[in-house]
């Protein structure tokens, strides 16, 4: 299993709108993407401008089917997402070992 973490640094005053937009967009992902084991939208308690989308994938193939062949380096974004962000998304991947 792999976990993918996309971290956004949102522009001040846009955080509620951004979170709502992300939640609406990912709501149907479990039915849409085979191999998506679970996902959450997280807001940092100490810095609400930091928002993470965490998704857990059965294997690399399932993740590639979602994010494309550049899944290791290319974030999945929505149209006009950059209008909400202070910088491009930061992307990390983790392999489950336990």
PDB file of N, CA and C in Angstrom:
ATOM      1  N   UNK A   1       0.851  -1.178   0.000  1.00  0.00           N
ATOM      2  CA  UNK A   1       0.000   0.000   0.000  1.00  0.00           C
ATOM      3  C   UNK A   1       0.893   1.236   0.000  1.00  0.00           C
ATOM      4  N   UNK A   2       0.438   2.273  -0.692  1.00  0.00           N
ATOM      5  CA  UNK A   2       1.138   3.549  -0.765  1.00  0.00           C
ATOM      6  C   UNK A   2       0.232   4.660  -0.247  1.00  0.00           C
ATOM      7  N   UNK A   3       0.846   5.617   0.433  1.00  0.00           N
ATOM      8  CA  UNK A   3       0.133   6.824   0.832  1.00  0.00           C
ATOM      9  C   UNK A   3       0.723   7.997   0.075  1.00  0.00           C
ATOM     10  N   UNK A   4      -0.156   8.792  -0.498  1.00  0.00           N
ATOM     11  CA  UNK A   4       0.226   9.999  -1.246  1.00  0.00           C
ATOM     12  C   UNK A   4      -0.270  11.196  -0.445  1.00  0.00           C
ATOM     13  N   UNK A   5       0.611  12.167  -0.220  1.00  0.00           N
ATOM     14  CA  UNK A   5       0.260  13.371   0.527  1.00  0.00           C
ATOM     15  C   UNK A   5       0.536  14.583  -0.357  1.00  0.00           C
ATOM     16  N   UNK A   6      -0.509  15.329  -0.636  1.00  0.00           N
ATOM     17  CA  UNK A   6      -0.389  16.593  -1.365  1.00  0.00           C
ATOM     18  C   UNK A   6      -0.629  17.711  -0.362  1.00  0.00           C
ATOM     19  N   UNK A   7       0.358  18.600  -0.213  1.00  0.00           N
ATOM     20  CA  UNK A   7       0.209  19.695   0.739  1.00  0.00           C
ATOM     21  C   UNK A   7       0.090  21.018   0.001  1.00  0.00           C
ATOM     22  N   UNK A   8      -0.947  21.753   0.349  1.00  0.00           N
ATOM     23  CA  UNK A   8      -1.185  23.074  -0.222  1.00  0.00           C
ATOM     24  C   UNK A   8      -0.929  24.134   0.842  1.00  0.00           C
ATOM     25  N   UNK A   9      -0.323  25.222   0.435  1.00  0.00           N
ATOM     26  CA  UNK A   9      -0.227  26.410   1.273  1.00  0.00           C
ATOM     27  C   UNK A   9      -1.156  27.443   0.640  1.00  0.00           C
ATOM     28  N   UNK A  10      -2.288  27.663   1.305  1.00  0.00           N
ATOM     29  CA  UNK A  10      -3.382  28.454   0.746  1.00  0.00           C
ATOM     30  C   UNK A  10      -3.177  29.940   1.046  1.00  0.00           C
ATOM     31  N   UNK A  11      -3.620  30.766   0.138  1.00  0.00           N
ATOM     32  CA  UNK A  11      -3.564  32.212   0.353  1.00  0.00           C
ATOM     33  C   UNK A  11      -4.490  32.589   1.510  1.00  0.00           C
ATOM     34  N   UNK A  12      -4.059  33.527   2.366  1.00  0.00           N
ATOM     35  CA  UNK A  12      -4.912  33.954   3.475  1.00  0.00           C
ATOM     36  C   UNK A  12      -6.275  34.430   2.978  1.00  0.00           C
ATOM     37  N   UNK A  13      -7.307  34.005   3.698  1.00  0.00           N
ATOM     38  CA  UNK A  13      -8.669  34.379   3.355  1.00  0.00           C
ATOM     39  C   UNK A  13      -9.341  33.461   2.352  1.00  0.00           C
ATOM     40  N   UNK A  14      -8.596  32.522   1.780  1.00  0.00           N
ATOM     41  CA  UNK A  14      -9.150  31.610   0.775  1.00  0.00           C
ATOM     42  C   UNK A  14      -9.287  30.184   1.303  1.00  0.00           C
ATOM     43  N   UNK A  15      -8.886  29.968   2.561  1.00  0.00           N
ATOM     44  CA  UNK A  15      -8.798  28.600   3.069  1.00  0.00           C
ATOM     45  C   UNK A  15     -10.138  27.875   3.127  1.00  0.00           C
ATOM     46  N   UNK A  16     -11.198  28.515   3.580  1.00  0.00           N
ATOM     47  CA  UNK A  16     -12.495  27.836   3.667  1.00  0.00           C
ATOM     48  C   UNK A  16     -13.017  27.454   2.287  1.00  0.00           C
ATOM     49  N   UNK A  17     -12.897  28.371   1.350  1.00  0.00           N
ATOM     50  CA  UNK A  17     -13.336  28.106  -0.020  1.00  0.00           C
ATOM     51  C   UNK A  17     -12.514  26.976  -0.646  1.00  0.00           C
ATOM     52  N   UNK A  18     -11.200  26.990  -0.409  1.00  0.00           N
ATOM     53  CA  UNK A  18     -10.327  25.949  -0.961  1.00  0.00           C
ATOM     54  C   UNK A  18     -10.685  24.578  -0.397  1.00  0.00           C
ATOM     55  N   UNK A  19     -10.843  24.493   0.910  1.00  0.00           N
ATOM     56  CA  UNK A  19     -11.172  23.211   1.542  1.00  0.00           C
ATOM     57  C   UNK A  19     -12.509  22.690   1.024  1.00  0.00           C
ATOM     58  N   UNK A  20     -13.489  23.546   0.919  1.00  0.00           N
ATOM     59  CA  UNK A  20     -14.795  23.114   0.410  1.00  0.00           C
ATOM     60  C   UNK A  20     -14.685  22.619  -1.031  1.00  0.00           C
ATOM     61  N   UNK A  21     -13.909  23.313  -1.829  1.00  0.00           N
ATOM     62  CA  UNK A  21     -13.732  22.893  -3.231  1.00  0.00           C
ATOM     63  C   UNK A  21     -13.052  21.529  -3.307  1.00  0.00           C
ATOM     64  N   UNK A  22     -11.995  21.339  -2.534  1.00  0.00           N
ATOM     65  CA  UNK A  22     -11.295  20.048  -2.534  1.00  0.00           C
ATOM     66  C   UNK A  22     -12.235  18.946  -2.056  1.00  0.00           C
ATOM     67  N   UNK A  23     -12.957  19.181  -0.974  1.00  0.00           N
ATOM     68  CA  UNK A  23     -13.882  18.160  -0.461  1.00  0.00           C
ATOM     69  C   UNK A  23     -14.919  17.778  -1.507  1.00  0.00           C
ATOM     70  N   UNK A  24     -15.456  18.759  -2.207  1.00  0.00           N
ATOM     71  CA  UNK A  24     -16.434  18.470  -3.259  1.00  0.00           C
ATOM     72  C   UNK A  24     -15.816  17.649  -4.383  1.00  0.00           C
ATOM     73  N   UNK A  25     -14.587  17.988  -4.759  1.00  0.00           N
ATOM     74  CA  UNK A  25     -13.931  17.296  -5.868  1.00  0.00           C
ATOM     75  C   UNK A  25     -13.587  15.850  -5.541  1.00  0.00           C
ATOM     76  N   UNK A  26     -13.154  15.581  -4.316  1.00  0.00           N
ATOM     77  CA  UNK A  26     -12.690  14.223  -3.979  1.00  0.00           C
ATOM     78  C   UNK A  26     -13.810  13.327  -3.453  1.00  0.00           C
ATOM     79  N   UNK A  27     -14.964  13.882  -3.229  1.00  0.00           N
ATOM     80  CA  UNK A  27     -16.084  13.125  -2.648  1.00  0.00           C
ATOM     81  C   UNK A  27     -16.377  11.827  -3.410  1.00  0.00           C
ATOM     82  N   UNK A  28     -16.296  11.849  -4.725  1.00  0.00           N
ATOM     83  CA  UNK A  28     -16.625  10.661  -5.530  1.00  0.00           C
ATOM     84  C   UNK A  28     -15.404   9.810  -5.878  1.00  0.00           C
ATOM     85  N   UNK A  29     -14.229  10.191  -5.411  1.00  0.00           N
ATOM     86  CA  UNK A  29     -13.021   9.444  -5.776  1.00  0.00           C
ATOM     87  C   UNK A  29     -13.086   7.959  -5.417  1.00  0.00           C
ATOM     88  N   UNK A  30     -13.601   7.561  -4.242  1.00  0.00           N
ATOM     89  CA  UNK A  30     -13.628   6.118  -3.934  1.00  0.00           C
ATOM     90  C   UNK A  30     -14.417   5.295  -4.950  1.00  0.00           C
ATOM     91  N   UNK A  31     -15.483   5.854  -5.494  1.00  0.00           N
ATOM     92  CA  UNK A  31     -16.263   5.130  -6.496  1.00  0.00           C
ATOM     93  C   UNK A  31     -15.631   5.236  -7.884  1.00  0.00           C
ATOM     94  N   UNK A  32     -14.825   6.259  -8.091  1.00  0.00           N
ATOM     95  CA  UNK A  32     -14.258   6.537  -9.405  1.00  0.00           C
ATOM     96  C   UNK A  32     -12.937   5.816  -9.647  1.00  0.00           C
ATOM     97  N   UNK A  33     -12.095   5.711  -8.620  1.00  0.00           N
ATOM     98  CA  UNK A  33     -10.741   5.188  -8.792  1.00  0.00           C
ATOM     99  C   UNK A  33     -10.573   3.858  -8.065  1.00  0.00           C
ATOM    100  N   UNK A  34     -10.477   2.793  -8.844  1.00  0.00           N
ATOM    101  CA  UNK A  34     -10.225   1.471  -8.286  1.00  0.00           C
ATOM    102  C   UNK A  34      -8.857   1.474  -7.608  1.00  0.00           C
ATOM    103  N   UNK A  35      -8.804   0.933  -6.422  1.00  0.00           N
ATOM    104  CA  UNK A  35      -7.544   0.861  -5.697  1.00  0.00           C
ATOM    105  C   UNK A  35      -7.346   1.962  -4.677  1.00  0.00           C
ATOM    106  N   UNK A  36      -8.252   2.932  -4.629  1.00  0.00           N
ATOM    107  CA  UNK A  36      -8.196   3.958  -3.585  1.00  0.00           C
ATOM    108  C   UNK A  36      -8.779   3.349  -2.322  1.00  0.00           C
ATOM    109  N   UNK A  37      -7.918   3.119  -1.341  1.00  0.00           N
ATOM    110  CA  UNK A  37      -8.321   2.439  -0.108  1.00  0.00           C
ATOM    111  C   UNK A  37      -8.939   3.387   0.915  1.00  0.00           C
ATOM    112  N   UNK A  38      -8.622   4.673   0.824  1.00  0.00           N
ATOM    113  CA  UNK A  38      -9.166   5.659   1.751  1.00  0.00           C
ATOM    114  C   UNK A  38      -8.515   7.008   1.499  1.00  0.00           C
ATOM    115  N   UNK A  39      -9.168   8.068   1.986  1.00  0.00           N
ATOM    116  CA  UNK A  39      -8.610   9.407   1.783  1.00  0.00           C
ATOM    117  C   UNK A  39      -9.208  10.384   2.780  1.00  0.00           C
ATOM    118  N   UNK A  40      -8.470  11.470   3.032  1.00  0.00           N
ATOM    119  CA  UNK A  40      -8.909  12.518   3.941  1.00  0.00           C
ATOM    120  C   UNK A  40      -8.399  13.864   3.446  1.00  0.00           C
ATOM    121  N   UNK A  41      -9.140  14.901   3.787  1.00  0.00           N
ATOM    122  CA  UNK A  41      -8.674  16.274   3.640  1.00  0.00           C
ATOM    123  C   UNK A  41      -8.370  16.751   5.057  1.00  0.00           C
ATOM    124  N   UNK A  42      -7.143  17.209   5.283  1.00  0.00           N
ATOM    125  CA  UNK A  42      -6.694  17.595   6.617  1.00  0.00           C
ATOM    126  C   UNK A  42      -6.278  19.061   6.634  1.00  0.00           C
ATOM    127  N   UNK A  43      -6.637  19.758   7.716  1.00  0.00           N
ATOM    128  CA  UNK A  43      -6.231  21.147   7.908  1.00  0.00           C
ATOM    129  C   UNK A  43      -5.348  21.196   9.151  1.00  0.00           C
ATOM    130  N   UNK A  44      -4.184  21.797   9.025  1.00  0.00           N
ATOM    131  CA  UNK A  44      -3.214  21.899  10.111  1.00  0.00           C
ATOM    132  C   UNK A  44      -3.807  22.714  11.263  1.00  0.00           C
ATOM    133  N   UNK A  45      -3.771  22.172  12.465  1.00  0.00           N
ATOM    134  CA  UNK A  45      -4.317  22.874  13.632  1.00  0.00           C
ATOM    135  C   UNK A  45      -3.553  24.148  13.959  1.00  0.00           C
ATOM    136  N   UNK A  46      -2.236  24.139  13.753  1.00  0.00           N
ATOM    137  CA  UNK A  46      -1.417  25.298  14.085  1.00  0.00           C
ATOM    138  C   UNK A  46      -1.337  26.322  12.961  1.00  0.00           C
ATOM    139  N   UNK A  47      -1.597  25.889  11.745  1.00  0.00           N
ATOM    140  CA  UNK A  47      -1.533  26.791  10.595  1.00  0.00           C
ATOM    141  C   UNK A  47      -2.612  26.396   9.593  1.00  0.00           C
ATOM    142  N   UNK A  48      -3.819  26.959   9.727  1.00  0.00           N
ATOM    143  CA  UNK A  48      -4.935  26.554   8.866  1.00  0.00           C
ATOM    144  C   UNK A  48      -4.748  26.885   7.388  1.00  0.00           C
ATOM    145  N   UNK A  49      -3.663  27.556   7.030  1.00  0.00           N
ATOM    146  CA  UNK A  49      -3.363  27.775   5.617  1.00  0.00           C
ATOM    147  C   UNK A  49      -2.735  26.535   4.984  1.00  0.00           C
ATOM    148  N   UNK A  50      -2.286  25.590   5.813  1.00  0.00           N
ATOM    149  CA  UNK A  50      -1.707  24.337   5.316  1.00  0.00           C
ATOM    150  C   UNK A  50      -2.794  23.266   5.275  1.00  0.00           C
ATOM    151  N   UNK A  51      -3.081  22.807   4.074  1.00  0.00           N
ATOM    152  CA  UNK A  51      -4.128  21.810   3.851  1.00  0.00           C
ATOM    153  C   UNK A  51      -3.496  20.623   3.140  1.00  0.00           C
ATOM    154  N   UNK A  52      -3.813  19.419   3.618  1.00  0.00           N
ATOM    155  CA  UNK A  52      -3.285  18.206   2.990  1.00  0.00           C
ATOM    156  C   UNK A  52      -4.423  17.342   2.479  1.00  0.00           C
ATOM    157  N   UNK A  53      -4.184  16.755   1.318  1.00  0.00           N
ATOM    158  CA  UNK A  53      -5.051  15.689   0.820  1.00  0.00           C
ATOM    159  C   UNK A  53      -4.227  14.419   0.896  1.00  0.00           C
ATOM    160  N   UNK A  54      -4.680  13.490   1.737  1.00  0.00           N
ATOM    161  CA  UNK A  54      -3.977  12.228   1.968  1.00  0.00           C
ATOM    162  C   UNK A  54      -4.805  11.112   1.358  1.00  0.00           C
ATOM    163  N   UNK A  55      -4.175  10.327   0.498  1.00  0.00           N
ATOM    164  CA  UNK A  55      -4.876   9.203  -0.127  1.00  0.00           C
ATOM    165  C   UNK A  55      -4.025   7.948  -0.007  1.00  0.00           C
ATOM    166  N   UNK A  56      -4.697   6.824   0.226  1.00  0.00           N
ATOM    167  CA  UNK A  56      -4.023   5.534   0.376  1.00  0.00           C
ATOM    168  C   UNK A  56      -4.420   4.643  -0.790  1.00  0.00           C
ATOM    169  N   UNK A  57      -3.404   4.063  -1.446  1.00  0.00           N
ATOM    170  CA  UNK A  57      -3.602   3.309  -2.678  1.00  0.00           C
ATOM    171  C   UNK A  57      -3.135   1.877  -2.519  1.00  0.00           C
ATOM    172  N   UNK A  58      -3.872   0.973  -3.116  1.00  0.00           N
ATOM    173  CA  UNK A  58      -3.576  -0.462  -3.054  1.00  0.00           C
ATOM    174  C   UNK A  58      -2.160  -0.759  -3.552  1.00  0.00           C
ATOM    175  N   UNK A  59      -1.772  -0.134  -4.677  1.00  0.00           N
ATOM    176  CA  UNK A  59      -0.459  -0.401  -5.267  1.00  0.00           C
ATOM    177  C   UNK A  59      -0.095   0.730  -6.229  1.00  0.00           C
ATOM    178  N   UNK A  60       1.104   0.644  -6.794  1.00  0.00           N
ATOM    179  CA  UNK A  60       1.575   1.685  -7.708  1.00  0.00           C
ATOM    180  C   UNK A  60       0.694   1.802  -8.947  1.00  0.00           C
ATOM    181  N   UNK A  61       0.196   0.684  -9.458  1.00  0.00           N
ATOM    182  CA  UNK A  61      -0.632   0.730 -10.659  1.00  0.00           C
ATOM    183  C   UNK A  61      -1.920   1.519 -10.409  1.00  0.00           C
ATOM    184  N   UNK A  62      -2.546   1.298  -9.261  1.00  0.00           N
ATOM    185  CA  UNK A  62      -3.764   2.048  -8.931  1.00  0.00           C
ATOM    186  C   UNK A  62      -3.465   3.542  -8.822  1.00  0.00           C
ATOM    187  N   UNK A  63      -2.337   3.874  -8.208  1.00  0.00           N
ATOM    188  CA  UNK A  63      -1.952   5.279  -8.081  1.00  0.00           C
ATOM    189  C   UNK A  63      -1.650   5.888  -9.446  1.00  0.00           C
ATOM    190  N   UNK A  64      -0.986   5.133 -10.307  1.00  0.00           N
ATOM    191  CA  UNK A  64      -0.708   5.632 -11.654  1.00  0.00           C
ATOM    192  C   UNK A  64      -1.996   5.822 -12.454  1.00  0.00           C
ATOM    193  N   UNK A  65      -2.965   4.945 -12.266  1.00  0.00           N
ATOM    194  CA  UNK A  65      -4.244   5.102 -12.964  1.00  0.00           C
ATOM    195  C   UNK A  65      -4.948   6.398 -12.560  1.00  0.00           C
ATOM    196  N   UNK A  66      -4.723   6.835 -11.329  1.00  0.00           N
ATOM    197  CA  UNK A  66      -5.302   8.089 -10.840  1.00  0.00           C
ATOM    198  C   UNK A  66      -4.484   9.304 -11.293  1.00  0.00           C
ATOM    199  N   UNK A  67      -3.173   9.251 -11.046  1.00  0.00           N
ATOM    200  CA  UNK A  67      -2.333  10.442 -11.200  1.00  0.00           C
ATOM    201  C   UNK A  67      -1.548  10.495 -12.502  1.00  0.00           C
ATOM    202  N   UNK A  68      -1.527   9.403 -13.257  1.00  0.00           N
ATOM    203  CA  UNK A  68      -0.790   9.384 -14.512  1.00  0.00           C
ATOM    204  C   UNK A  68       0.622   8.863 -14.345  1.00  0.00           C
ATOM    205  N   UNK A  69       1.340   8.719 -15.466  1.00  0.00           N
ATOM    206  CA  UNK A  69       2.673   8.120 -15.421  1.00  0.00           C
ATOM    207  C   UNK A  69       3.687   8.942 -14.626  1.00  0.00           C
ATOM    208  N   UNK A  70       3.453  10.225 -14.456  1.00  0.00           N
ATOM    209  CA  UNK A  70       4.351  11.057 -13.655  1.00  0.00           C
ATOM    210  C   UNK A  70       3.914  11.172 -12.210  1.00  0.00           C
ATOM    211  N   UNK A  71       3.246  10.142 -11.695  1.00  0.00           N
ATOM    212  CA  UNK A  71       2.640  10.212 -10.361  1.00  0.00           C
ATOM    213  C   UNK A  71       3.631  10.539  -9.261  1.00  0.00           C
ATOM    214  N   UNK A  72       4.893  10.195  -9.427  1.00  0.00           N
ATOM    215  CA  UNK A  72       5.880  10.466  -8.370  1.00  0.00           C
ATOM    216  C   UNK A  72       6.185  11.955  -8.225  1.00  0.00           C
ATOM    217  N   UNK A  73       6.053  12.707  -9.304  1.00  0.00           N
ATOM    218  CA  UNK A  73       6.457  14.119  -9.280  1.00  0.00           C
ATOM    219  C   UNK A  73       5.352  15.104  -9.647  1.00  0.00           C
ATOM    220  N   UNK A  74       4.327  14.635 -10.332  1.00  0.00           N
ATOM    221  CA  UNK A  74       3.291  15.538 -10.837  1.00  0.00           C
ATOM    222  C   UNK A  74       2.044  15.510  -9.958  1.00  0.00           C
ATOM    223  N   UNK A  75       1.724  16.631  -9.308  1.00  0.00           N
ATOM    224  CA  UNK A  75       0.494  16.653  -8.516  1.00  0.00           C
ATOM    225  C   UNK A  75      -0.737  16.654  -9.410  1.00  0.00           C
ATOM    226  N   UNK A  76      -1.825  16.146  -8.877  1.00  0.00           N
ATOM    227  CA  UNK A  76      -3.121  16.223  -9.549  1.00  0.00           C
ATOM    228  C   UNK A  76      -3.776  17.509  -9.056  1.00  0.00           C
ATOM    229  N   UNK A  77      -4.164  18.369  -9.982  1.00  0.00           N
ATOM    230  CA  UNK A  77      -4.742  19.658  -9.607  1.00  0.00           C
ATOM    231  C   UNK A  77      -6.111  19.833 -10.260  1.00  0.00           C
ATOM    232  N   UNK A  78      -6.851  20.808  -9.783  1.00  0.00           N
ATOM    233  CA  UNK A  78      -8.128  21.143 -10.403  1.00  0.00           C
ATOM    234  C   UNK A  78      -7.979  22.483 -11.130  1.00  0.00           C
ATOM    235  N   UNK A  79      -8.861  22.784 -12.075  1.00  0.00           N
ATOM    236  CA  UNK A  79      -8.763  24.043 -12.822  1.00  0.00           C
ATOM    237  C   UNK A  79      -8.740  25.250 -11.882  1.00  0.00           C
ATOM    238  N   UNK A  80      -7.849  26.172 -12.153  1.00  0.00           N
ATOM    239  CA  UNK A  80      -7.703  27.419 -11.388  1.00  0.00           C
ATOM    240  C   UNK A  80      -7.228  27.200  -9.957  1.00  0.00           C
ATOM    241  N   UNK A  81      -6.712  26.026  -9.634  1.00  0.00           N
ATOM    242  CA  UNK A  81      -6.239  25.764  -8.274  1.00  0.00           C
ATOM    243  C   UNK A  81      -5.157  26.753  -7.862  1.00  0.00           C
ATOM    244  N   UNK A  82      -4.300  27.142  -8.794  1.00  0.00           N
ATOM    245  CA  UNK A  82      -3.203  28.046  -8.466  1.00  0.00           C
ATOM    246  C   UNK A  82      -3.692  29.403  -7.945  1.00  0.00           C
ATOM    247  N   UNK A  83      -4.923  29.773  -8.235  1.00  0.00           N
ATOM    248  CA  UNK A  83      -5.471  31.031  -7.714  1.00  0.00           C
ATOM    249  C   UNK A  83      -5.635  30.992  -6.194  1.00  0.00           C
ATOM    250  N   UNK A  84      -5.718  29.799  -5.626  1.00  0.00           N
ATOM    251  CA  UNK A  84      -5.883  29.635  -4.188  1.00  0.00           C
ATOM    252  C   UNK A  84      -4.548  29.515  -3.453  1.00  0.00           C
ATOM    253  N   UNK A  85      -3.478  29.202  -4.172  1.00  0.00           N
ATOM    254  CA  UNK A  85      -2.239  28.766  -3.537  1.00  0.00           C
ATOM    255  C   UNK A  85      -1.158  29.833  -3.521  1.00  0.00           C
ATOM    256  N   UNK A  86      -0.360  29.805  -2.429  1.00  0.00           N
ATOM    257  CA  UNK A  86       0.805  30.677  -2.327  1.00  0.00           C
ATOM    258  C   UNK A  86       1.991  30.112  -3.101  1.00  0.00           C
ATOM    259  N   UNK A  87       2.012  28.798  -3.279  1.00  0.00           N
ATOM    260  CA  UNK A  87       3.098  28.121  -3.999  1.00  0.00           C
ATOM    261  C   UNK A  87       2.532  26.824  -4.577  1.00  0.00           C
ATOM    262  N   UNK A  88       3.249  26.183  -5.494  1.00  0.00           N
ATOM    263  CA  UNK A  88       2.764  24.905  -6.032  1.00  0.00           C
ATOM    264  C   UNK A  88       2.628  23.848  -4.934  1.00  0.00           C
ATOM    265  N   UNK A  89       1.773  22.869  -5.177  1.00  0.00           N
ATOM    266  CA  UNK A  89       1.591  21.774  -4.227  1.00  0.00           C
ATOM    267  C   UNK A  89       2.905  21.061  -3.948  1.00  0.00           C
ATOM    268  N   UNK A  90       3.109  20.668  -2.699  1.00  0.00           N
ATOM    269  CA  UNK A  90       4.217  19.791  -2.323  1.00  0.00           C
ATOM    270  C   UNK A  90       3.664  18.370  -2.307  1.00  0.00           C
ATOM    271  N   UNK A  91       4.427  17.440  -2.823  1.00  0.00           N
ATOM    272  CA  UNK A  91       3.949  16.076  -3.011  1.00  0.00           C
ATOM    273  C   UNK A  91       4.920  15.099  -2.375  1.00  0.00           C
ATOM    274  N   UNK A  92       4.388  14.150  -1.569  1.00  0.00           N
ATOM    275  CA  UNK A  92       5.210  13.113  -0.931  1.00  0.00           C
ATOM    276  C   UNK A  92       4.490  11.785  -1.050  1.00  0.00           C
ATOM    277  N   UNK A  93       5.282  10.712  -1.076  1.00  0.00           N
ATOM    278  CA  UNK A  93       4.734   9.353  -1.136  1.00  0.00           C
ATOM    279  C   UNK A  93       5.404   8.500  -0.066  1.00  0.00           C
ATOM    280  N   UNK A  94       4.621   7.591   0.496  1.00  0.00           N
ATOM    281  CA  UNK A  94       5.111   6.713   1.550  1.00  0.00           C
ATOM    282  C   UNK A  94       4.645   5.294   1.271  1.00  0.00           C
ATOM    283  N   UNK A  95       5.520   4.328   1.511  1.00  0.00           N
ATOM    284  CA  UNK A  95       5.168   2.917   1.383  1.00  0.00           C
ATOM    285  C   UNK A  95       4.852   2.379   2.777  1.00  0.00           C
ATOM    286  N   UNK A  96       3.758   1.674   2.908  1.00  0.00           N
ATOM    287  CA  UNK A  96       3.379   1.078   4.188  1.00  0.00           C
ATOM    288  C   UNK A  96       4.244  -0.154   4.424  1.00  0.00           C
ATOM    289  N   UNK A  97       4.801  -0.249   5.617  1.00  0.00           N
ATOM    290  CA  UNK A  97       5.644  -1.397   5.925  1.00  0.00           C
ATOM    291  C   UNK A  97       5.112  -2.218   7.091  1.00  0.00           C
ATOM    292  N   UNK A  98       4.039  -1.781   7.710  1.00  0.00           N
ATOM    293  CA  UNK A  98       3.486  -2.571   8.820  1.00  0.00           C
ATOM    294  C   UNK A  98       2.017  -2.830   8.611  1.00  0.00           C
TER     295      UNK A  98
END
